[in-house]
Amino acid sequence: MTTVVISHAVGNMDTWLKGGEERKALFSKYCSSYKIFRQEGTNRVSIVCENVDLGKMEAAMGAPEIAKAKAAHTVIEPLEVYIEVAGGK
């Protein structure tokens, strides 16, 4: 399990923030917990996901329910995904 950071822009921050319960259900499929950070003065967010099962995350990202949630929550592509590098490798 590892830590992953996902960053992206949103079309409407209020709409995106209201999707918290749906986001919680979706993220629980591949991580144990997460924290959300908002870049002040912008429409960008970063989500730090802990104890990520990368295989489950990859499968979830391709699921139709994720595409539907992205549209509903005004997520703007691309999603930037940063995966923790353990031991510098």
PDB file of N, CA and C in Angstrom:
ATOM      1  N   MET A   1       0.846  -1.181   0.000  1.00  0.00           N
ATOM      2  CA  MET A   1       0.000   0.000   0.000  1.00  0.00           C
ATOM      3  C   MET A   1       0.887   1.239   0.000  1.00  0.00           C
ATOM      4  N   THR A   2       0.401   2.275  -0.626  1.00  0.00           N
ATOM      5  CA  THR A   2       1.219   3.462  -0.806  1.00  0.00           C
ATOM      6  C   THR A   2       0.361   4.717  -0.707  1.00  0.00           C
ATOM      7  N   THR A   3       1.012   5.870  -0.759  1.00  0.00           N
ATOM      8  CA  THR A   3       0.332   7.158  -0.755  1.00  0.00           C
ATOM      9  C   THR A   3       0.304   7.697  -2.180  1.00  0.00           C
ATOM     10  N   VAL A   4      -0.843   8.254  -2.572  1.00  0.00           N
ATOM     11  CA  VAL A   4      -1.029   8.799  -3.911  1.00  0.00           C
ATOM     12  C   VAL A   4      -1.619  10.198  -3.782  1.00  0.00           C
ATOM     13  N   VAL A   5      -1.135  11.122  -4.614  1.00  0.00           N
ATOM     14  CA  VAL A   5      -1.691  12.470  -4.681  1.00  0.00           C
ATOM     15  C   VAL A   5      -2.333  12.634  -6.058  1.00  0.00           C
ATOM     16  N   ILE A   6      -3.581  13.069  -6.056  1.00  0.00           N
ATOM     17  CA  ILE A   6      -4.309  13.324  -7.302  1.00  0.00           C
ATOM     18  C   ILE A   6      -4.638  14.808  -7.331  1.00  0.00           C
ATOM     19  N   SER A   7      -4.254  15.493  -8.406  1.00  0.00           N
ATOM     20  CA  SER A   7      -4.527  16.920  -8.550  1.00  0.00           C
ATOM     21  C   SER A   7      -5.316  17.158  -9.832  1.00  0.00           C
ATOM     22  N   HIS A   8      -6.252  18.088  -9.751  1.00  0.00           N
ATOM     23  CA  HIS A   8      -7.020  18.454 -10.945  1.00  0.00           C
ATOM     24  C   HIS A   8      -7.754  19.767 -10.706  1.00  0.00           C
ATOM     25  N   ALA A   9      -8.280  20.318 -11.756  1.00  0.00           N
ATOM     26  CA  ALA A   9      -9.103  21.520 -11.676  1.00  0.00           C
ATOM     27  C   ALA A   9     -10.566  21.101 -11.668  1.00  0.00           C
ATOM     28  N   VAL A  10     -11.414  22.019 -11.202  1.00  0.00           N
ATOM     29  CA  VAL A  10     -12.861  21.791 -11.235  1.00  0.00           C
ATOM     30  C   VAL A  10     -13.527  23.004 -11.872  1.00  0.00           C
ATOM     31  N   GLY A  11     -14.646  22.752 -12.518  1.00  0.00           N
ATOM     32  CA  GLY A  11     -15.370  23.846 -13.161  1.00  0.00           C
ATOM     33  C   GLY A  11     -16.099  24.722 -12.164  1.00  0.00           C
ATOM     34  N   ASN A  12     -16.632  24.102 -11.096  1.00  0.00           N
ATOM     35  CA  ASN A  12     -17.368  24.841 -10.082  1.00  0.00           C
ATOM     36  C   ASN A  12     -17.006  24.269  -8.716  1.00  0.00           C
ATOM     37  N   MET A  13     -16.297  25.047  -7.922  1.00  0.00           N
ATOM     38  CA  MET A  13     -15.800  24.558  -6.640  1.00  0.00           C
ATOM     39  C   MET A  13     -16.936  24.186  -5.696  1.00  0.00           C
ATOM     40  N   ASP A  14     -18.007  24.974  -5.640  1.00  0.00           N
ATOM     41  CA  ASP A  14     -19.123  24.654  -4.750  1.00  0.00           C
ATOM     42  C   ASP A  14     -19.760  23.321  -5.128  1.00  0.00           C
ATOM     43  N   THR A  15     -19.960  23.086  -6.416  1.00  0.00           N
ATOM     44  CA  THR A  15     -20.516  21.815  -6.884  1.00  0.00           C
ATOM     45  C   THR A  15     -19.597  20.678  -6.503  1.00  0.00           C
ATOM     46  N   TRP A  16     -18.300  20.848  -6.713  1.00  0.00           N
ATOM     47  CA  TRP A  16     -17.339  19.791  -6.398  1.00  0.00           C
ATOM     48  C   TRP A  16     -17.352  19.480  -4.905  1.00  0.00           C
ATOM     49  N   LEU A  17     -17.346  20.507  -4.073  1.00  0.00           N
ATOM     50  CA  LEU A  17     -17.320  20.300  -2.627  1.00  0.00           C
ATOM     51  C   LEU A  17     -18.581  19.580  -2.140  1.00  0.00           C
ATOM     52  N   LYS A  18     -19.712  19.836  -2.765  1.00  0.00           N
ATOM     53  CA  LYS A  18     -20.963  19.178  -2.376  1.00  0.00           C
ATOM     54  C   LYS A  18     -20.945  17.681  -2.695  1.00  0.00           C
ATOM     55  N   GLY A  19     -20.012  17.212  -3.505  1.00  0.00           N
ATOM     56  CA  GLY A  19     -19.919  15.799  -3.855  1.00  0.00           C
ATOM     57  C   GLY A  19     -19.148  14.961  -2.863  1.00  0.00           C
ATOM     58  N   GLY A  20     -18.944  15.475  -1.670  1.00  0.00           N
ATOM     59  CA  GLY A  20     -18.095  14.809  -0.684  1.00  0.00           C
ATOM     60  C   GLY A  20     -18.529  13.404  -0.304  1.00  0.00           C
ATOM     61  N   GLU A  21     -19.813  13.171  -0.114  1.00  0.00           N
ATOM     62  CA  GLU A  21     -20.282  11.842   0.281  1.00  0.00           C
ATOM     63  C   GLU A  21     -20.087  10.826  -0.847  1.00  0.00           C
ATOM     64  N   GLU A  22     -20.358  11.244  -2.070  1.00  0.00           N
ATOM     65  CA  GLU A  22     -20.140  10.344  -3.202  1.00  0.00           C
ATOM     66  C   GLU A  22     -18.654  10.053  -3.372  1.00  0.00           C
ATOM     67  N   ARG A  23     -17.832  11.077  -3.216  1.00  0.00           N
ATOM     68  CA  ARG A  23     -16.378  10.916  -3.314  1.00  0.00           C
ATOM     69  C   ARG A  23     -15.886   9.930  -2.251  1.00  0.00           C
ATOM     70  N   LYS A  24     -16.399  10.057  -1.039  1.00  0.00           N
ATOM     71  CA  LYS A  24     -16.012   9.174   0.050  1.00  0.00           C
ATOM     72  C   LYS A  24     -16.312   7.719  -0.305  1.00  0.00           C
ATOM     73  N   ALA A  25     -17.485   7.458  -0.860  1.00  0.00           N
ATOM     74  CA  ALA A  25     -17.866   6.093  -1.257  1.00  0.00           C
ATOM     75  C   ALA A  25     -16.980   5.572  -2.380  1.00  0.00           C
ATOM     76  N   LEU A  26     -16.674   6.411  -3.356  1.00  0.00           N
ATOM     77  CA  LEU A  26     -15.844   5.986  -4.484  1.00  0.00           C
ATOM     78  C   LEU A  26     -14.410   5.716  -4.045  1.00  0.00           C
ATOM     79  N   PHE A  27     -13.850   6.614  -3.242  1.00  0.00           N
ATOM     80  CA  PHE A  27     -12.457   6.470  -2.820  1.00  0.00           C
ATOM     81  C   PHE A  27     -12.265   5.284  -1.880  1.00  0.00           C
ATOM     82  N   SER A  28     -13.307   4.926  -1.127  1.00  0.00           N
ATOM     83  CA  SER A  28     -13.186   3.813  -0.178  1.00  0.00           C
ATOM     84  C   SER A  28     -12.921   2.487  -0.888  1.00  0.00           C
ATOM     85  N   LYS A  29     -13.120   2.450  -2.177  1.00  0.00           N
ATOM     86  CA  LYS A  29     -12.867   1.226  -2.947  1.00  0.00           C
ATOM     87  C   LYS A  29     -11.381   0.951  -3.115  1.00  0.00           C
ATOM     88  N   TYR A  30     -10.546   1.990  -2.938  1.00  0.00           N
ATOM     89  CA  TYR A  30      -9.112   1.773  -3.149  1.00  0.00           C
ATOM     90  C   TYR A  30      -8.190   2.431  -2.135  1.00  0.00           C
ATOM     91  N   CYS A  31      -8.703   3.223  -1.204  1.00  0.00           N
ATOM     92  CA  CYS A  31      -7.821   3.811  -0.194  1.00  0.00           C
ATOM     93  C   CYS A  31      -8.505   3.828   1.173  1.00  0.00           C
ATOM     94  N   SER A  32      -7.687   3.864   2.217  1.00  0.00           N
ATOM     95  CA  SER A  32      -8.238   3.822   3.573  1.00  0.00           C
ATOM     96  C   SER A  32      -8.694   5.193   4.066  1.00  0.00           C
ATOM     97  N   SER A  33      -8.051   6.248   3.590  1.00  0.00           N
ATOM     98  CA  SER A  33      -8.412   7.603   3.997  1.00  0.00           C
ATOM     99  C   SER A  33      -7.828   8.593   2.996  1.00  0.00           C
ATOM    100  N   TYR A  34      -8.331   9.826   3.066  1.00  0.00           N
ATOM    101  CA  TYR A  34      -7.808  10.861   2.177  1.00  0.00           C
ATOM    102  C   TYR A  34      -8.020  12.230   2.799  1.00  0.00           C
ATOM    103  N   LYS A  35      -7.216  13.192   2.325  1.00  0.00           N
ATOM    104  CA  LYS A  35      -7.346  14.591   2.714  1.00  0.00           C
ATOM    105  C   LYS A  35      -7.392  15.418   1.446  1.00  0.00           C
ATOM    106  N   ILE A  36      -8.185  16.473   1.490  1.00  0.00           N
ATOM    107  CA  ILE A  36      -8.346  17.348   0.328  1.00  0.00           C
ATOM    108  C   ILE A  36      -7.698  18.696   0.630  1.00  0.00           C
ATOM    109  N   PHE A  37      -6.949  19.188  -0.348  1.00  0.00           N
ATOM    110  CA  PHE A  37      -6.315  20.494  -0.258  1.00  0.00           C
ATOM    111  C   PHE A  37      -6.765  21.325  -1.449  1.00  0.00           C
ATOM    112  N   ARG A  38      -7.094  22.563  -1.191  1.00  0.00           N
ATOM    113  CA  ARG A  38      -7.517  23.490  -2.237  1.00  0.00           C
ATOM    114  C   ARG A  38      -6.439  24.537  -2.424  1.00  0.00           C
ATOM    115  N   GLN A  39      -6.068  24.776  -3.670  1.00  0.00           N
ATOM    116  CA  GLN A  39      -5.086  25.822  -3.955  1.00  0.00           C
ATOM    117  C   GLN A  39      -5.816  27.157  -3.899  1.00  0.00           C
ATOM    118  N   GLU A  40      -5.481  27.949  -2.914  1.00  0.00           N
ATOM    119  CA  GLU A  40      -6.168  29.211  -2.666  1.00  0.00           C
ATOM    120  C   GLU A  40      -6.199  30.089  -3.914  1.00  0.00           C
ATOM    121  N   GLY A  41      -7.366  30.647  -4.170  1.00  0.00           N
ATOM    122  CA  GLY A  41      -7.524  31.574  -5.284  1.00  0.00           C
ATOM    123  C   GLY A  41      -7.647  30.905  -6.642  1.00  0.00           C
ATOM    124  N   THR A  42      -7.731  29.582  -6.667  1.00  0.00           N
ATOM    125  CA  THR A  42      -7.857  28.867  -7.943  1.00  0.00           C
ATOM    126  C   THR A  42      -8.987  27.856  -7.845  1.00  0.00           C
ATOM    127  N   ASN A  43      -9.217  27.168  -8.935  1.00  0.00           N
ATOM    128  CA  ASN A  43     -10.191  26.083  -8.945  1.00  0.00           C
ATOM    129  C   ASN A  43      -9.488  24.726  -8.975  1.00  0.00           C
ATOM    130  N   ARG A  44      -8.317  24.650  -8.340  1.00  0.00           N
ATOM    131  CA  ARG A  44      -7.531  23.411  -8.305  1.00  0.00           C
ATOM    132  C   ARG A  44      -7.585  22.775  -6.921  1.00  0.00           C
ATOM    133  N   VAL A  45      -7.655  21.444  -6.925  1.00  0.00           N
ATOM    134  CA  VAL A  45      -7.623  20.681  -5.685  1.00  0.00           C
ATOM    135  C   VAL A  45      -6.590  19.579  -5.807  1.00  0.00           C
ATOM    136  N   SER A  46      -6.078  19.166  -4.666  1.00  0.00           N
ATOM    137  CA  SER A  46      -5.198  18.000  -4.577  1.00  0.00           C
ATOM    138  C   SER A  46      -5.762  17.105  -3.485  1.00  0.00           C
ATOM    139  N   ILE A  47      -5.775  15.820  -3.757  1.00  0.00           N
ATOM    140  CA  ILE A  47      -6.303  14.840  -2.816  1.00  0.00           C
ATOM    141  C   ILE A  47      -5.169  13.884  -2.484  1.00  0.00           C
ATOM    142  N   VAL A  48      -4.849  13.777  -1.197  1.00  0.00           N
ATOM    143  CA  VAL A  48      -3.813  12.863  -0.742  1.00  0.00           C
ATOM    144  C   VAL A  48      -4.518  11.610  -0.223  1.00  0.00           C
ATOM    145  N   CYS A  49      -4.342  10.502  -0.932  1.00  0.00           N
ATOM    146  CA  CYS A  49      -4.971   9.227  -0.577  1.00  0.00           C
ATOM    147  C   CYS A  49      -3.944   8.344   0.113  1.00  0.00           C
ATOM    148  N   GLU A  50      -4.330   7.780   1.254  1.00  0.00           N
ATOM    149  CA  GLU A  50      -3.438   6.939   2.045  1.00  0.00           C
ATOM    150  C   GLU A  50      -3.784   5.460   1.880  1.00  0.00           C
ATOM    151  N   ASN A  51      -2.766   4.618   1.989  1.00  0.00           N
ATOM    152  CA  ASN A  51      -2.931   3.163   1.923  1.00  0.00           C
ATOM    153  C   ASN A  51      -3.695   2.741   0.677  1.00  0.00           C
ATOM    154  N   VAL A  52      -3.189   3.188  -0.461  1.00  0.00           N
ATOM    155  CA  VAL A  52      -3.848   2.936  -1.740  1.00  0.00           C
ATOM    156  C   VAL A  52      -3.459   1.565  -2.279  1.00  0.00           C
ATOM    157  N   ASP A  53      -4.464   0.824  -2.714  1.00  0.00           N
ATOM    158  CA  ASP A  53      -4.247  -0.402  -3.472  1.00  0.00           C
ATOM    159  C   ASP A  53      -4.235   0.044  -4.935  1.00  0.00           C
ATOM    160  N   LEU A  54      -3.051   0.088  -5.536  1.00  0.00           N
ATOM    161  CA  LEU A  54      -2.914   0.653  -6.883  1.00  0.00           C
ATOM    162  C   LEU A  54      -3.717  -0.113  -7.930  1.00  0.00           C
ATOM    163  N   GLY A  55      -3.810  -1.419  -7.811  1.00  0.00           N
ATOM    164  CA  GLY A  55      -4.611  -2.205  -8.744  1.00  0.00           C
ATOM    165  C   GLY A  55      -6.080  -1.836  -8.671  1.00  0.00           C
ATOM    166  N   LYS A  56      -6.594  -1.693  -7.458  1.00  0.00           N
ATOM    167  CA  LYS A  56      -7.992  -1.303  -7.285  1.00  0.00           C
ATOM    168  C   LYS A  56      -8.227   0.126  -7.749  1.00  0.00           C
ATOM    169  N   MET A  57      -7.234   0.999  -7.523  1.00  0.00           N
ATOM    170  CA  MET A  57      -7.368   2.387  -7.970  1.00  0.00           C
ATOM    171  C   MET A  57      -7.443   2.446  -9.492  1.00  0.00           C
ATOM    172  N   GLU A  58      -6.567   1.710 -10.160  1.00  0.00           N
ATOM    173  CA  GLU A  58      -6.566   1.695 -11.618  1.00  0.00           C
ATOM    174  C   GLU A  58      -7.905   1.185 -12.148  1.00  0.00           C
ATOM    175  N   ALA A  59      -8.431   0.135 -11.551  1.00  0.00           N
ATOM    176  CA  ALA A  59      -9.722  -0.403 -11.980  1.00  0.00           C
ATOM    177  C   ALA A  59     -10.841   0.601 -11.731  1.00  0.00           C
ATOM    178  N   ALA A  60     -10.808   1.258 -10.589  1.00  0.00           N
ATOM    179  CA  ALA A  60     -11.850   2.232 -10.261  1.00  0.00           C
ATOM    180  C   ALA A  60     -11.828   3.417 -11.211  1.00  0.00           C
ATOM    181  N   MET A  61     -10.639   3.879 -11.577  1.00  0.00           N
ATOM    182  CA  MET A  61     -10.535   5.051 -12.450  1.00  0.00           C
ATOM    183  C   MET A  61     -11.143   4.814 -13.825  1.00  0.00           C
ATOM    184  N   GLY A  62     -11.199   3.560 -14.260  1.00  0.00           N
ATOM    185  CA  GLY A  62     -11.785   3.245 -15.561  1.00  0.00           C
ATOM    186  C   GLY A  62     -13.255   2.892 -15.509  1.00  0.00           C
ATOM    187  N   ALA A  63     -13.842   2.892 -14.310  1.00  0.00           N
ATOM    188  CA  ALA A  63     -15.236   2.489 -14.147  1.00  0.00           C
ATOM    189  C   ALA A  63     -16.194   3.589 -14.615  1.00  0.00           C
ATOM    190  N   PRO A  64     -17.326   3.201 -15.189  1.00  0.00           N
ATOM    191  CA  PRO A  64     -18.321   4.183 -15.644  1.00  0.00           C
ATOM    192  C   PRO A  64     -18.818   5.106 -14.527  1.00  0.00           C
ATOM    193  N   GLU A  65     -18.902   4.600 -13.299  1.00  0.00           N
ATOM    194  CA  GLU A  65     -19.380   5.442 -12.200  1.00  0.00           C
ATOM    195  C   GLU A  65     -18.418   6.591 -11.902  1.00  0.00           C
ATOM    196  N   ILE A  66     -17.133   6.380 -12.152  1.00  0.00           N
ATOM    197  CA  ILE A  66     -16.155   7.465 -11.964  1.00  0.00           C
ATOM    198  C   ILE A  66     -16.360   8.528 -13.035  1.00  0.00           C
ATOM    199  N   ALA A  67     -16.562   8.109 -14.274  1.00  0.00           N
ATOM    200  CA  ALA A  67     -16.809   9.072 -15.354  1.00  0.00           C
ATOM    201  C   ALA A  67     -18.060   9.900 -15.059  1.00  0.00           C
ATOM    202  N   LYS A  68     -19.089   9.243 -14.552  1.00  0.00           N
ATOM    203  CA  LYS A  68     -20.328   9.938 -14.199  1.00  0.00           C
ATOM    204  C   LYS A  68     -20.083  10.931 -13.067  1.00  0.00           C
ATOM    205  N   ALA A  69     -19.321  10.513 -12.049  1.00  0.00           N
ATOM    206  CA  ALA A  69     -19.020  11.396 -10.921  1.00  0.00           C
ATOM    207  C   ALA A  69     -18.171  12.585 -11.366  1.00  0.00           C
ATOM    208  N   LYS A  70     -17.210  12.351 -12.248  1.00  0.00           N
ATOM    209  CA  LYS A  70     -16.386  13.460 -12.747  1.00  0.00           C
ATOM    210  C   LYS A  70     -17.261  14.511 -13.409  1.00  0.00           C
ATOM    211  N   ALA A  71     -18.194  14.078 -14.248  1.00  0.00           N
ATOM    212  CA  ALA A  71     -19.079  15.016 -14.937  1.00  0.00           C
ATOM    213  C   ALA A  71     -19.965  15.759 -13.935  1.00  0.00           C
ATOM    214  N   ALA A  72     -20.546  15.031 -12.988  1.00  0.00           N
ATOM    215  CA  ALA A  72     -21.439  15.647 -12.005  1.00  0.00           C
ATOM    216  C   ALA A  72     -20.718  16.629 -11.096  1.00  0.00           C
ATOM    217  N   HIS A  73     -19.463  16.345 -10.800  1.00  0.00           N
ATOM    218  CA  HIS A  73     -18.697  17.176  -9.866  1.00  0.00           C
ATOM    219  C   HIS A  73     -17.824  18.204 -10.580  1.00  0.00           C
ATOM    220  N   THR A  74     -17.984  18.342 -11.864  1.00  0.00           N
ATOM    221  CA  THR A  74     -17.296  19.323 -12.716  1.00  0.00           C
ATOM    222  C   THR A  74     -15.783  19.169 -12.718  1.00  0.00           C
ATOM    223  N   VAL A  75     -15.302  17.917 -12.643  1.00  0.00           N
ATOM    224  CA  VAL A  75     -13.862  17.652 -12.690  1.00  0.00           C
ATOM    225  C   VAL A  75     -13.351  17.951 -14.097  1.00  0.00           C
ATOM    226  N   ILE A  76     -12.255  18.673 -14.169  1.00  0.00           N
ATOM    227  CA  ILE A  76     -11.638  19.019 -15.450  1.00  0.00           C
ATOM    228  C   ILE A  76     -10.389  18.169 -15.642  1.00  0.00           C
ATOM    229  N   GLU A  77     -10.331  17.474 -16.759  1.00  0.00           N
ATOM    230  CA  GLU A  77      -9.157  16.666 -17.112  1.00  0.00           C
ATOM    231  C   GLU A  77      -8.024  17.603 -17.502  1.00  0.00           C
ATOM    232  N   PRO A  78      -6.785  17.216 -17.361  1.00  0.00           N
ATOM    233  CA  PRO A  78      -6.330  15.907 -16.929  1.00  0.00           C
ATOM    234  C   PRO A  78      -6.240  15.827 -15.411  1.00  0.00           C
ATOM    235  N   LEU A  79      -6.289  14.599 -14.918  1.00  0.00           N
ATOM    236  CA  LEU A  79      -5.982  14.329 -13.524  1.00  0.00           C
ATOM    237  C   LEU A  79      -4.493  14.034 -13.457  1.00  0.00           C
ATOM    238  N   GLU A  80      -3.807  14.721 -12.584  1.00  0.00           N
ATOM    239  CA  GLU A  80      -2.384  14.459 -12.373  1.00  0.00           C
ATOM    240  C   GLU A  80      -2.280  13.509 -11.190  1.00  0.00           C
ATOM    241  N   VAL A  81      -1.630  12.369 -11.380  1.00  0.00           N
ATOM    242  CA  VAL A  81      -1.518  11.361 -10.332  1.00  0.00           C
ATOM    243  C   VAL A  81      -0.050  11.203  -9.984  1.00  0.00           C
ATOM    244  N   TYR A  82       0.253  11.378  -8.696  1.00  0.00           N
ATOM    245  CA  TYR A  82       1.609  11.250  -8.197  1.00  0.00           C
ATOM    246  C   TYR A  82       1.628  10.070  -7.235  1.00  0.00           C
ATOM    247  N   ILE A  83       2.522   9.112  -7.498  1.00  0.00           N
ATOM    248  CA  ILE A  83       2.623   7.920  -6.678  1.00  0.00           C
ATOM    249  C   ILE A  83       3.891   7.987  -5.852  1.00  0.00           C
ATOM    250  N   GLU A  84       3.747   7.701  -4.570  1.00  0.00           N
ATOM    251  CA  GLU A  84       4.874   7.734  -3.650  1.00  0.00           C
ATOM    252  C   GLU A  84       6.002   6.843  -4.148  1.00  0.00           C
ATOM    253  N   VAL A  85       7.213   7.347  -4.049  1.00  0.00           N
ATOM    254  CA  VAL A  85       8.395   6.593  -4.430  1.00  0.00           C
ATOM    255  C   VAL A  85       9.071   6.130  -3.147  1.00  0.00           C
ATOM    256  N   ALA A  86       8.949   4.847  -2.876  1.00  0.00           N
ATOM    257  CA  ALA A  86       9.528   4.296  -1.649  1.00  0.00           C
ATOM    258  C   ALA A  86      11.017   4.044  -1.825  1.00  0.00           C
ATOM    259  N   GLY A  87      11.805   4.584  -0.940  1.00  0.00           N
ATOM    260  CA  GLY A  87      13.247   4.359  -0.983  1.00  0.00           C
ATOM    261  C   GLY A  87      13.937   4.974  -2.199  1.00  0.00           C
ATOM    262  N   GLY A  88      13.315   5.903  -2.849  1.00  0.00           N
ATOM    263  CA  GLY A  88      13.930   6.577  -3.989  1.00  0.00           C
ATOM    264  C   GLY A  88      13.977   5.760  -5.261  1.00  0.00           C
ATOM    265  N   LYS A  89      13.188   4.685  -5.318  1.00  0.00           N
ATOM    266  CA  LYS A  89      13.185   3.819  -6.501  1.00  0.00           C
ATOM    267  C   LYS A  89      11.890   3.932  -7.244  1.00  0.00           C
TER     268      LYS A  89
END
